[in-house]
Amino acid sequence: MQVKTLDGTDKEDGELYVTILNKASAKGPEYLTSEKARLEKVLASGSVEGNKAVEMAKKISIFKVLLGEADL
């Protein structure tokens, strides 16, 4: 399935997965671990809120899935 054929939040989520996977491919597998840790630290600090916090939480969830840490 191609991301461009999806609608709404499915399309947004699919694009986010593709972006993260492209960055991991370019930067190496350690990117997933380091970026997840960075986002968790920023989110825990409380320095972001609203839509940005929701976006960060979504990215953290994606990193957990890709790293095999998610409870599916």
Protein backbone atom coordinates (compact mmCIF):
# COMPACT_ATOMS: atom_id res chain seq x y z
CA MET A 1 0.00 0.00 0.00
CA GLN A 2 1.22 3.48 -0.80
CA VAL A 3 0.90 6.35 1.66
CA LYS A 4 -0.50 8.71 -0.96
CA THR A 5 -3.56 6.48 -1.38
CA LEU A 6 -4.54 6.91 2.29
CA ASP A 7 -6.77 9.60 3.78
CA GLY A 8 -6.81 11.74 6.91
CA THR A 9 -4.84 10.63 9.93
CA ASP A 10 -3.85 7.37 8.22
CA LYS A 11 -2.06 9.42 5.56
CA GLU A 12 -0.41 11.67 8.18
CA ASP A 13 0.74 8.66 10.21
CA GLY A 14 2.00 6.89 7.10
CA GLU A 15 3.99 9.94 6.03
CA LEU A 16 5.48 10.15 9.52
CA TYR A 17 6.56 6.49 9.38
CA VAL A 18 8.17 7.05 5.97
CA THR A 19 10.00 10.16 7.21
CA ILE A 20 11.34 8.35 10.27
CA LEU A 21 12.40 5.31 8.24
CA ASN A 22 14.17 7.51 5.67
CA LYS A 23 16.08 9.29 8.44
CA ALA A 24 16.99 5.95 10.06
CA SER A 25 18.20 4.67 6.71
CA ALA A 26 20.38 7.75 6.19
CA LYS A 27 21.68 8.10 9.75
CA GLY A 28 21.89 4.46 10.79
CA PRO A 29 19.95 2.31 13.24
CA GLU A 30 21.23 4.21 16.30
CA TYR A 31 19.09 7.13 15.13
CA LEU A 32 15.95 5.34 16.34
CA THR A 33 17.27 4.88 19.87
CA SER A 34 18.84 8.32 20.23
CA GLU A 35 15.92 10.25 18.76
CA LYS A 36 13.40 8.34 20.90
CA ALA A 37 15.42 9.19 24.01
CA ARG A 38 15.69 12.84 22.97
CA LEU A 39 11.96 13.17 22.37
CA GLU A 40 11.13 11.45 25.67
CA LYS A 41 13.42 13.88 27.51
CA VAL A 42 11.88 16.94 25.85
CA LEU A 43 8.34 15.69 26.45
CA ALA A 44 9.08 14.84 30.10
CA SER A 45 10.53 18.31 30.68
CA GLY A 46 7.11 19.85 30.04
CA SER A 47 8.59 22.46 27.74
CA VAL A 48 6.16 21.56 24.94
CA GLU A 49 2.41 21.30 25.04
CA GLY A 50 -0.64 21.09 22.84
CA ASN A 51 -0.29 19.80 19.29
CA LYS A 52 3.50 19.66 19.50
CA ALA A 53 3.32 17.38 22.55
CA VAL A 54 0.81 15.14 20.77
CA GLU A 55 3.08 14.96 17.72
CA MET A 56 6.08 14.07 19.88
CA ALA A 57 4.12 11.35 21.70
CA LYS A 58 3.07 9.92 18.34
CA LYS A 59 6.69 9.87 17.16
CA ILE A 60 7.78 8.15 20.38
CA SER A 61 5.13 5.48 19.79
CA ILE A 62 6.42 4.92 16.26
CA PHE A 63 10.01 4.63 17.52
CA LYS A 64 8.87 2.06 20.08
CA VAL A 65 7.18 0.00 17.36
CA LEU A 66 10.24 0.15 15.13
CA LEU A 67 12.51 -0.79 18.04
CA GLY A 68 10.25 -3.68 19.10
CA GLU A 69 9.44 -2.03 22.43
CA ALA A 70 5.73 -1.49 21.88
CA ASP A 71 3.05 -3.60 23.56
CA LEU A 72 0.96 -4.53 20.54
